[in-house]
Amino acid sequence: KSIEFKGLKLLSKYEIIDEVNMKVDEDYIVVDLE
């Protein structure tokens, strides 16, 4: 239901998330772990 980043100082979380294969399914985020 949520994604939390820890330790980021220079990178934006969106720089990383935008590259990851995922989709929204109802109230959940389905993340491709590979």
PDB file of all heavy atoms in Angstrom:
ATOM      1  N   LYS A   1       0.818  -1.214   0.000  1.00  0.00           N
ATOM      2  CA  LYS A   1       0.000   0.000   0.000  1.00  0.00           C
ATOM      3  C   LYS A   1       0.855   1.269   0.000  1.00  0.00           C
ATOM      4  O   LYS A   1       0.339   2.355  -0.277  1.00  0.00           O
ATOM      5  CB  LYS A   1      -0.943  -0.007   1.200  1.00  0.00           C
ATOM      6  CG  LYS A   1      -2.092  -0.995   1.042  1.00  0.00           C
ATOM      7  CD  LYS A   1      -3.252  -0.671   1.960  1.00  0.00           C
ATOM      8  CE  LYS A   1      -4.470  -1.532   1.622  1.00  0.00           C
ATOM      9  NZ  LYS A   1      -5.627  -1.247   2.498  1.00  0.00           N
ATOM     10  N   SER A   2       2.114   1.140   0.327  1.00  0.00           N
ATOM     11  CA  SER A   2       2.989   2.317   0.311  1.00  0.00           C
ATOM     12  C   SER A   2       4.428   1.889   0.080  1.00  0.00           C
ATOM     13  O   SER A   2       4.802   0.734   0.338  1.00  0.00           O
ATOM     14  CB  SER A   2       2.879   3.123   1.606  1.00  0.00           C
ATOM     15  OG  SER A   2       3.365   2.369   2.695  1.00  0.00           O
ATOM     16  N   ILE A   3       5.209   2.826  -0.429  1.00  0.00           N
ATOM     17  CA  ILE A   3       6.630   2.608  -0.664  1.00  0.00           C
ATOM     18  C   ILE A   3       7.397   3.698   0.078  1.00  0.00           C
ATOM     19  O   ILE A   3       7.116   4.884  -0.081  1.00  0.00           O
ATOM     20  CB  ILE A   3       6.976   2.663  -2.163  1.00  0.00           C
ATOM     21  CG1 ILE A   3       6.181   1.602  -2.929  1.00  0.00           C
ATOM     22  CG2 ILE A   3       8.479   2.469  -2.385  1.00  0.00           C
ATOM     23  CD1 ILE A   3       6.347   1.692  -4.429  1.00  0.00           C
ATOM     24  N   GLU A   4       8.337   3.287   0.904  1.00  0.00           N
ATOM     25  CA  GLU A   4       9.094   4.236   1.720  1.00  0.00           C
ATOM     26  C   GLU A   4      10.589   4.109   1.398  1.00  0.00           C
ATOM     27  O   GLU A   4      11.128   3.004   1.351  1.00  0.00           O
ATOM     28  CB  GLU A   4       8.859   3.957   3.204  1.00  0.00           C
ATOM     29  CG  GLU A   4       9.600   4.886   4.138  1.00  0.00           C
ATOM     30  CD  GLU A   4       9.319   4.600   5.598  1.00  0.00           C
ATOM     31  OE1 GLU A   4       8.375   3.832   5.878  1.00  0.00           O
ATOM     32  OE2 GLU A   4      10.051   5.127   6.449  1.00  0.00           O
ATOM     33  N   PHE A   5      11.221   5.256   1.170  1.00  0.00           N
ATOM     34  CA  PHE A   5      12.661   5.284   0.936  1.00  0.00           C
ATOM     35  C   PHE A   5      13.360   5.836   2.166  1.00  0.00           C
ATOM     36  O   PHE A   5      12.919   6.808   2.764  1.00  0.00           O
ATOM     37  CB  PHE A   5      12.992   6.160  -0.274  1.00  0.00           C
ATOM     38  CG  PHE A   5      12.689   5.525  -1.599  1.00  0.00           C
ATOM     39  CD1 PHE A   5      11.438   5.636  -2.167  1.00  0.00           C
ATOM     40  CD2 PHE A   5      13.654   4.808  -2.271  1.00  0.00           C
ATOM     41  CE1 PHE A   5      11.148   5.050  -3.389  1.00  0.00           C
ATOM     42  CE2 PHE A   5      13.391   4.224  -3.498  1.00  0.00           C
ATOM     43  CZ  PHE A   5      12.123   4.342  -4.053  1.00  0.00           C
ATOM     44  N   LYS A   6      14.474   5.234   2.526  1.00  0.00           N
ATOM     45  CA  LYS A   6      15.294   5.725   3.630  1.00  0.00           C
ATOM     46  C   LYS A   6      16.725   5.897   3.138  1.00  0.00           C
ATOM     47  O   LYS A   6      17.231   5.083   2.381  1.00  0.00           O
ATOM     48  CB  LYS A   6      15.251   4.762   4.816  1.00  0.00           C
ATOM     49  CG  LYS A   6      13.883   4.680   5.482  1.00  0.00           C
ATOM     50  CD  LYS A   6      13.922   3.822   6.738  1.00  0.00           C
ATOM     51  CE  LYS A   6      12.567   3.822   7.442  1.00  0.00           C
ATOM     52  NZ  LYS A   6      12.592   3.011   8.688  1.00  0.00           N
ATOM     53  N   GLY A   7      17.361   6.972   3.583  1.00  0.00           N
ATOM     54  CA  GLY A   7      18.763   7.211   3.248  1.00  0.00           C
ATOM     55  C   GLY A   7      18.995   8.122   2.067  1.00  0.00           C
ATOM     56  O   GLY A   7      20.141   8.456   1.761  1.00  0.00           O
ATOM     57  N   LEU A   8      17.923   8.548   1.387  1.00  0.00           N
ATOM     58  CA  LEU A   8      18.111   9.413   0.218  1.00  0.00           C
ATOM     59  C   LEU A   8      18.505  10.821   0.652  1.00  0.00           C
ATOM     60  O   LEU A   8      17.841  11.438   1.474  1.00  0.00           O
ATOM     61  CB  LEU A   8      16.831   9.472  -0.620  1.00  0.00           C
ATOM     62  CG  LEU A   8      16.404   8.183  -1.327  1.00  0.00           C
ATOM     63  CD1 LEU A   8      15.169   8.432  -2.164  1.00  0.00           C
ATOM     64  CD2 LEU A   8      17.534   7.640  -2.198  1.00  0.00           C
ATOM     65  N   LYS A   9      19.591  11.315   0.069  1.00  0.00           N
ATOM     66  CA  LYS A   9      20.030  12.686   0.315  1.00  0.00           C
ATOM     67  C   LYS A   9      20.151  13.468  -0.989  1.00  0.00           C
ATOM     68  O   LYS A   9      19.837  14.649  -1.047  1.00  0.00           O
ATOM     69  CB  LYS A   9      21.369  12.681   1.052  1.00  0.00           C
ATOM     70  CG  LYS A   9      21.312  12.039   2.432  1.00  0.00           C
ATOM     71  CD  LYS A   9      22.688  11.971   3.067  1.00  0.00           C
ATOM     72  CE  LYS A   9      22.625  11.286   4.421  1.00  0.00           C
ATOM     73  NZ  LYS A   9      23.973  11.138   5.033  1.00  0.00           N
ATOM     74  N   LEU A  10      20.624  12.804  -2.021  1.00  0.00           N
ATOM     75  CA  LEU A  10      20.835  13.452  -3.307  1.00  0.00           C
ATOM     76  C   LEU A  10      19.810  13.020  -4.345  1.00  0.00           C
ATOM     77  O   LEU A  10      19.335  13.831  -5.131  1.00  0.00           O
ATOM     78  CB  LEU A  10      22.250  13.136  -3.824  1.00  0.00           C
ATOM     79  CG  LEU A  10      23.396  13.573  -2.912  1.00  0.00           C
ATOM     80  CD1 LEU A  10      24.724  13.065  -3.456  1.00  0.00           C
ATOM     81  CD2 LEU A  10      23.438  15.086  -2.777  1.00  0.00           C
ATOM     82  N   LEU A  11      19.484  11.756  -4.337  1.00  0.00           N
ATOM     83  CA  LEU A  11      18.517  11.226  -5.297  1.00  0.00           C
ATOM     84  C   LEU A  11      17.097  11.586  -4.902  1.00  0.00           C
ATOM     85  O   LEU A  11      16.775  11.700  -3.723  1.00  0.00           O
ATOM     86  CB  LEU A  11      18.627   9.704  -5.378  1.00  0.00           C
ATOM     87  CG  LEU A  11      19.721   9.105  -6.250  1.00  0.00           C
ATOM     88  CD1 LEU A  11      19.784   7.599  -6.036  1.00  0.00           C
ATOM     89  CD2 LEU A  11      19.489   9.424  -7.711  1.00  0.00           C
ATOM     90  N   SER A  12      16.252  11.731  -5.902  1.00  0.00           N
ATOM     91  CA  SER A  12      14.821  11.839  -5.674  1.00  0.00           C
ATOM     92  C   SER A  12      14.206  10.445  -5.755  1.00  0.00           C
ATOM     93  O   SER A  12      14.608   9.631  -6.588  1.00  0.00           O
ATOM     94  CB  SER A  12      14.177  12.750  -6.727  1.00  0.00           C
ATOM     95  OG  SER A  12      12.791  12.524  -6.808  1.00  0.00           O
ATOM     96  N   LYS A  13      13.251  10.150  -4.885  1.00  0.00           N
ATOM     97  CA  LYS A  13      12.585   8.837  -4.934  1.00  0.00           C
ATOM     98  C   LYS A  13      11.905   8.611  -6.278  1.00  0.00           C
ATOM     99  O   LYS A  13      11.812   7.479  -6.756  1.00  0.00           O
ATOM    100  CB  LYS A  13      11.568   8.730  -3.808  1.00  0.00           C
ATOM    101  CG  LYS A  13      10.571   9.880  -3.750  1.00  0.00           C
ATOM    102  CD  LYS A  13       9.922   9.965  -2.385  1.00  0.00           C
ATOM    103  CE  LYS A  13       9.091  11.225  -2.227  1.00  0.00           C
ATOM    104  NZ  LYS A  13       8.617  11.431  -0.858  1.00  0.00           N
ATOM    105  N   TYR A  14      11.502   9.707  -6.922  1.00  0.00           N
ATOM    106  CA  TYR A  14      10.816   9.572  -8.205  1.00  0.00           C
ATOM    107  C   TYR A  14      11.777   9.168  -9.320  1.00  0.00           C
ATOM    108  O   TYR A  14      11.371   8.542 -10.289  1.00  0.00           O
ATOM    109  CB  TYR A  14      10.083  10.866  -8.554  1.00  0.00           C
ATOM    110  CG  TYR A  14       9.046  11.245  -7.516  1.00  0.00           C
ATOM    111  CD1 TYR A  14       9.251  12.314  -6.653  1.00  0.00           C
ATOM    112  CD2 TYR A  14       7.881  10.496  -7.369  1.00  0.00           C
ATOM    113  CE1 TYR A  14       8.321  12.644  -5.680  1.00  0.00           C
ATOM    114  CE2 TYR A  14       6.945  10.821  -6.392  1.00  0.00           C
ATOM    115  CZ  TYR A  14       7.170  11.897  -5.550  1.00  0.00           C
ATOM    116  OH  TYR A  14       6.256  12.209  -4.588  1.00  0.00           O
ATOM    117  N   GLU A  15      13.060   9.552  -9.181  1.00  0.00           N
ATOM    118  CA  GLU A  15      14.057   9.132 -10.165  1.00  0.00           C
ATOM    119  C   GLU A  15      14.139   7.614 -10.229  1.00  0.00           C
ATOM    120  O   GLU A  15      14.366   7.028 -11.286  1.00  0.00           O
ATOM    121  CB  GLU A  15      15.437   9.694  -9.798  1.00  0.00           C
ATOM    122  CG  GLU A  15      15.587  11.192  -9.964  1.00  0.00           C
ATOM    123  CD  GLU A  15      16.985  11.656  -9.605  1.00  0.00           C
ATOM    124  OE1 GLU A  15      17.949  11.187 -10.240  1.00  0.00           O
ATOM    125  OE2 GLU A  15      17.128  12.480  -8.680  1.00  0.00           O
ATOM    126  N   ILE A  16      13.960   6.973  -9.081  1.00  0.00           N
ATOM    127  CA  ILE A  16      14.054   5.513  -9.003  1.00  0.00           C
ATOM    128  C   ILE A  16      12.729   4.871  -9.378  1.00  0.00           C
ATOM    129  O   ILE A  16      12.664   3.978 -10.230  1.00  0.00           O
ATOM    130  CB  ILE A  16      14.471   5.088  -7.590  1.00  0.00           C
ATOM    131  CG1 ILE A  16      15.809   5.742  -7.217  1.00  0.00           C
ATOM    132  CG2 ILE A  16      14.557   3.563  -7.479  1.00  0.00           C
ATOM    133  CD1 ILE A  16      16.171   5.619  -5.767  1.00  0.00           C
ATOM    134  N   ILE A  17      11.647   5.329  -8.756  1.00  0.00           N
ATOM    135  CA  ILE A  17      10.327   4.718  -8.955  1.00  0.00           C
ATOM    136  C   ILE A  17       9.887   4.772 -10.404  1.00  0.00           C
ATOM    137  O   ILE A  17       9.272   3.827 -10.920  1.00  0.00           O
ATOM    138  CB  ILE A  17       9.285   5.417  -8.044  1.00  0.00           C
ATOM    139  CG1 ILE A  17       9.431   4.913  -6.609  1.00  0.00           C
ATOM    140  CG2 ILE A  17       7.875   5.182  -8.536  1.00  0.00           C
ATOM    141  CD1 ILE A  17       9.124   3.440  -6.438  1.00  0.00           C
ATOM    142  N   ASP A  18      10.216   5.871 -11.077  1.00  0.00           N
ATOM    143  CA  ASP A  18       9.783   6.016 -12.474  1.00  0.00           C
ATOM    144  C   ASP A  18      10.356   4.945 -13.386  1.00  0.00           C
ATOM    145  O   ASP A  18       9.833   4.703 -14.478  1.00  0.00           O
ATOM    146  CB  ASP A  18      10.167   7.405 -13.012  1.00  0.00           C
ATOM    147  CG  ASP A  18       9.280   8.503 -12.461  1.00  0.00           C
ATOM    148  OD1 ASP A  18       8.248   8.169 -11.845  1.00  0.00           O
ATOM    149  OD2 ASP A  18       9.614   9.684 -12.637  1.00  0.00           O
ATOM    150  N   GLU A  19      11.451   4.311 -12.965  1.00  0.00           N
ATOM    151  CA  GLU A  19      12.090   3.293 -13.785  1.00  0.00           C
ATOM    152  C   GLU A  19      11.580   1.884 -13.491  1.00  0.00           C
ATOM    153  O   GLU A  19      11.854   0.953 -14.246  1.00  0.00           O
ATOM    154  CB  GLU A  19      13.611   3.330 -13.558  1.00  0.00           C
ATOM    155  CG  GLU A  19      14.270   4.659 -13.866  1.00  0.00           C
ATOM    156  CD  GLU A  19      14.253   4.993 -15.338  1.00  0.00           C
ATOM    157  OE1 GLU A  19      14.297   4.052 -16.154  1.00  0.00           O
ATOM    158  OE2 GLU A  19      14.171   6.185 -15.689  1.00  0.00           O
ATOM    159  N   VAL A  20      10.862   1.717 -12.383  1.00  0.00           N
ATOM    160  CA  VAL A  20      10.470   0.381 -11.927  1.00  0.00           C
ATOM    161  C   VAL A  20       9.148  -0.046 -12.567  1.00  0.00           C
ATOM    162  O   VAL A  20       8.221   0.755 -12.705  1.00  0.00           O
ATOM    163  CB  VAL A  20      10.346   0.349 -10.388  1.00  0.00           C
ATOM    164  CG1 VAL A  20       9.891  -1.034  -9.910  1.00  0.00           C
ATOM    165  CG2 VAL A  20      11.670   0.716  -9.734  1.00  0.00           C
ATOM    166  N   ASN A  21       9.068  -1.300 -12.931  1.00  0.00           N
ATOM    167  CA  ASN A  21       7.845  -1.866 -13.501  1.00  0.00           C
ATOM    168  C   ASN A  21       6.834  -2.091 -12.376  1.00  0.00           C
ATOM    169  O   ASN A  21       7.062  -2.902 -11.474  1.00  0.00           O
ATOM    170  CB  ASN A  21       8.175  -3.182 -14.211  1.00  0.00           C
ATOM    171  CG  ASN A  21       6.995  -3.712 -15.006  1.00  0.00           C
ATOM    172  OD1 ASN A  21       6.078  -2.966 -15.331  1.00  0.00           O
ATOM    173  ND2 ASN A  21       7.029  -4.993 -15.306  1.00  0.00           N
ATOM    174  N   MET A  22       5.721  -1.360 -12.396  1.00  0.00           N
ATOM    175  CA  MET A  22       4.690  -1.497 -11.363  1.00  0.00           C
ATOM    176  C   MET A  22       3.350  -1.035 -11.918  1.00  0.00           C
ATOM    177  O   MET A  22       3.268  -0.423 -12.985  1.00  0.00           O
ATOM    178  CB  MET A  22       5.064  -0.693 -10.120  1.00  0.00           C
ATOM    179  CG  MET A  22       5.163   0.804 -10.348  1.00  0.00           C
ATOM    180  SD  MET A  22       5.475   1.708  -8.815  1.00  0.00           S
ATOM    181  CE  MET A  22       7.086   1.085  -8.387  1.00  0.00           C
ATOM    182  N   LYS A  23       2.309  -1.342 -11.188  1.00  0.00           N
ATOM    183  CA  LYS A  23       0.975  -0.900 -11.581  1.00  0.00           C
ATOM    184  C   LYS A  23       0.107  -0.737 -10.340  1.00  0.00           C
ATOM    185  O   LYS A  23       0.412  -1.265  -9.261  1.00  0.00           O
ATOM    186  CB  LYS A  23       0.340  -1.894 -12.545  1.00  0.00           C
ATOM    187  CG  LYS A  23       0.013  -3.249 -11.933  1.00  0.00           C
ATOM    188  CD  LYS A  23      -0.621  -4.180 -12.959  1.00  0.00           C
ATOM    189  CE  LYS A  23      -0.978  -5.538 -12.340  1.00  0.00           C
ATOM    190  NZ  LYS A  23      -1.589  -6.448 -13.332  1.00  0.00           N
ATOM    191  N   VAL A  24      -0.978   0.006 -10.489  1.00  0.00           N
ATOM    192  CA  VAL A  24      -1.941   0.197  -9.410  1.00  0.00           C
ATOM    193  C   VAL A  24      -3.093  -0.775  -9.603  1.00  0.00           C
ATOM    194  O   VAL A  24      -3.642  -0.896 -10.699  1.00  0.00           O
ATOM    195  CB  VAL A  24      -2.463   1.652  -9.387  1.00  0.00           C
ATOM    196  CG1 VAL A  24      -3.575   1.803  -8.377  1.00  0.00           C
ATOM    197  CG2 VAL A  24      -1.329   2.623  -9.106  1.00  0.00           C
ATOM    198  N   ASP A  25      -3.427  -1.487  -8.548  1.00  0.00           N
ATOM    199  CA  ASP A  25      -4.538  -2.444  -8.560  1.00  0.00           C
ATOM    200  C   ASP A  25      -5.408  -2.170  -7.355  1.00  0.00           C
ATOM    201  O   ASP A  25      -5.063  -2.532  -6.224  1.00  0.00           O
ATOM    202  CB  ASP A  25      -3.993  -3.874  -8.525  1.00  0.00           C
ATOM    203  CG  ASP A  25      -5.107  -4.913  -8.631  1.00  0.00           C
ATOM    204  OD1 ASP A  25      -6.259  -4.529  -8.931  1.00  0.00           O
ATOM    205  OD2 ASP A  25      -4.813  -6.106  -8.416  1.00  0.00           O
ATOM    206  N   GLU A  26      -6.542  -1.484  -7.597  1.00  0.00           N
ATOM    207  CA  GLU A  26      -7.436  -1.035  -6.523  1.00  0.00           C
ATOM    208  C   GLU A  26      -6.643  -0.178  -5.535  1.00  0.00           C
ATOM    209  O   GLU A  26      -6.081   0.839  -5.912  1.00  0.00           O
ATOM    210  CB  GLU A  26      -8.097  -2.240  -5.854  1.00  0.00           C
ATOM    211  CG  GLU A  26      -9.003  -3.022  -6.811  1.00  0.00           C
ATOM    212  CD  GLU A  26      -9.653  -4.213  -6.162  1.00  0.00           C
ATOM    213  OE1 GLU A  26      -9.246  -4.597  -5.053  1.00  0.00           O
ATOM    214  OE2 GLU A  26     -10.574  -4.788  -6.792  1.00  0.00           O
ATOM    215  N   ASP A  27      -6.553  -0.584  -4.264  1.00  0.00           N
ATOM    216  CA  ASP A  27      -5.849   0.226  -3.276  1.00  0.00           C
ATOM    217  C   ASP A  27      -4.394  -0.198  -3.095  1.00  0.00           C
ATOM    218  O   ASP A  27      -3.724   0.247  -2.155  1.00  0.00           O
ATOM    219  CB  ASP A  27      -6.555   0.135  -1.914  1.00  0.00           C
ATOM    220  CG  ASP A  27      -7.922   0.807  -1.945  1.00  0.00           C
ATOM    221  OD1 ASP A  27      -8.100   1.724  -2.767  1.00  0.00           O
ATOM    222  OD2 ASP A  27      -8.792   0.413  -1.155  1.00  0.00           O
ATOM    223  N   TYR A  28      -3.923  -1.048  -3.968  1.00  0.00           N
ATOM    224  CA  TYR A  28      -2.576  -1.575  -3.822  1.00  0.00           C
ATOM    225  C   TYR A  28      -1.671  -1.137  -4.976  1.00  0.00           C
ATOM    226  O   TYR A  28      -2.138  -0.830  -6.077  1.00  0.00           O
ATOM    227  CB  TYR A  28      -2.603  -3.105  -3.758  1.00  0.00           C
ATOM    228  CG  TYR A  28      -3.130  -3.649  -2.448  1.00  0.00           C
ATOM    229  CD1 TYR A  28      -4.501  -3.860  -2.261  1.00  0.00           C
ATOM    230  CD2 TYR A  28      -2.259  -3.950  -1.397  1.00  0.00           C
ATOM    231  CE1 TYR A  28      -4.992  -4.355  -1.061  1.00  0.00           C
ATOM    232  CE2 TYR A  28      -2.742  -4.453  -0.200  1.00  0.00           C
ATOM    233  CZ  TYR A  28      -4.101  -4.649  -0.028  1.00  0.00           C
ATOM    234  OH  TYR A  28      -4.590  -5.134   1.164  1.00  0.00           O
ATOM    235  N   ILE A  29      -0.388  -1.153  -4.689  1.00  0.00           N
ATOM    236  CA  ILE A  29       0.629  -0.982  -5.718  1.00  0.00           C
ATOM    237  C   ILE A  29       1.262  -2.354  -5.922  1.00  0.00           C
ATOM    238  O   ILE A  29       1.733  -2.982  -4.962  1.00  0.00           O
ATOM    239  CB  ILE A  29       1.727   0.007  -5.284  1.00  0.00           C
ATOM    240  CG1 ILE A  29       1.100   1.318  -4.814  1.00  0.00           C
ATOM    241  CG2 ILE A  29       2.705   0.263  -6.421  1.00  0.00           C
ATOM    242  CD1 ILE A  29       2.056   2.193  -4.028  1.00  0.00           C
ATOM    243  N   VAL A  30       1.259  -2.810  -7.151  1.00  0.00           N
ATOM    244  CA  VAL A  30       1.860  -4.106  -7.473  1.00  0.00           C
ATOM    245  C   VAL A  30       3.238  -3.832  -8.054  1.00  0.00           C
ATOM    246  O   VAL A  30       3.371  -3.230  -9.119  1.00  0.00           O
ATOM    247  CB  VAL A  30       0.989  -4.900  -8.465  1.00  0.00           C
ATOM    248  CG1 VAL A  30       1.610  -6.281  -8.713  1.00  0.00           C
ATOM    249  CG2 VAL A  30      -0.441  -5.039  -7.947  1.00  0.00           C
ATOM    250  N   VAL A  31       4.262  -4.264  -7.328  1.00  0.00           N
ATOM    251  CA  VAL A  31       5.644  -3.960  -7.691  1.00  0.00           C
ATOM    252  C   VAL A  31       6.329  -5.204  -8.242  1.00  0.00           C
ATOM    253  O   VAL A  31       6.244  -6.287  -7.645  1.00  0.00           O
ATOM    254  CB  VAL A  31       6.438  -3.439  -6.469  1.00  0.00           C
ATOM    255  CG1 VAL A  31       7.867  -3.064  -6.876  1.00  0.00           C
ATOM    256  CG2 VAL A  31       5.724  -2.253  -5.836  1.00  0.00           C
ATOM    257  N   ASP A  32       6.982  -5.053  -9.360  1.00  0.00           N
ATOM    258  CA  ASP A  32       7.787  -6.122  -9.934  1.00  0.00           C
ATOM    259  C   ASP A  32       9.140  -6.106  -9.210  1.00  0.00           C
ATOM    260  O   ASP A  32       9.979  -5.236  -9.444  1.00  0.00           O
ATOM    261  CB  ASP A  32       7.971  -5.868 -11.431  1.00  0.00           C
ATOM    262  CG  ASP A  32       8.742  -6.984 -12.135  1.00  0.00           C
ATOM    263  OD1 ASP A  32       9.486  -7.707 -11.451  1.00  0.00           O
ATOM    264  OD2 ASP A  32       8.591  -7.108 -13.365  1.00  0.00           O
ATOM    265  N   LEU A  33       9.362  -7.056  -8.320  1.00  0.00           N
ATOM    266  CA  LEU A  33      10.566  -7.065  -7.498  1.00  0.00           C
ATOM    267  C   LEU A  33      11.834  -7.290  -8.322  1.00  0.00           C
ATOM    268  O   LEU A  33      12.892  -6.757  -8.002  1.00  0.00           O
ATOM    269  CB  LEU A  33      10.448  -8.131  -6.407  1.00  0.00           C
ATOM    270  CG  LEU A  33       9.350  -7.886  -5.368  1.00  0.00           C
ATOM    271  CD1 LEU A  33       9.378  -8.979  -4.318  1.00  0.00           C
ATOM    272  CD2 LEU A  33       9.506  -6.521  -4.724  1.00  0.00           C
ATOM    273  N   GLU A  34      11.718  -8.090  -9.370  1.00  0.00           N
ATOM    274  CA  GLU A  34      12.889  -8.299 -10.232  1.00  0.00           C
ATOM    275  C   GLU A  34      13.299  -6.988 -10.889  1.00  0.00           C
ATOM    276  O   GLU A  34      14.485  -6.654 -10.964  1.00  0.00           O
ATOM    277  CB  GLU A  34      12.586  -9.357 -11.290  1.00  0.00           C
ATOM    278  CG  GLU A  34      13.774  -9.665 -12.186  1.00  0.00           C
ATOM    279  CD  GLU A  34      13.471 -10.751 -13.208  1.00  0.00           C
ATOM    280  OE1 GLU A  34      12.398 -11.377 -13.124  1.00  0.00           O
ATOM    281  OE2 GLU A  34      14.313 -10.949 -14.100  1.00  0.00           O
TER     282      GLU A  34
END
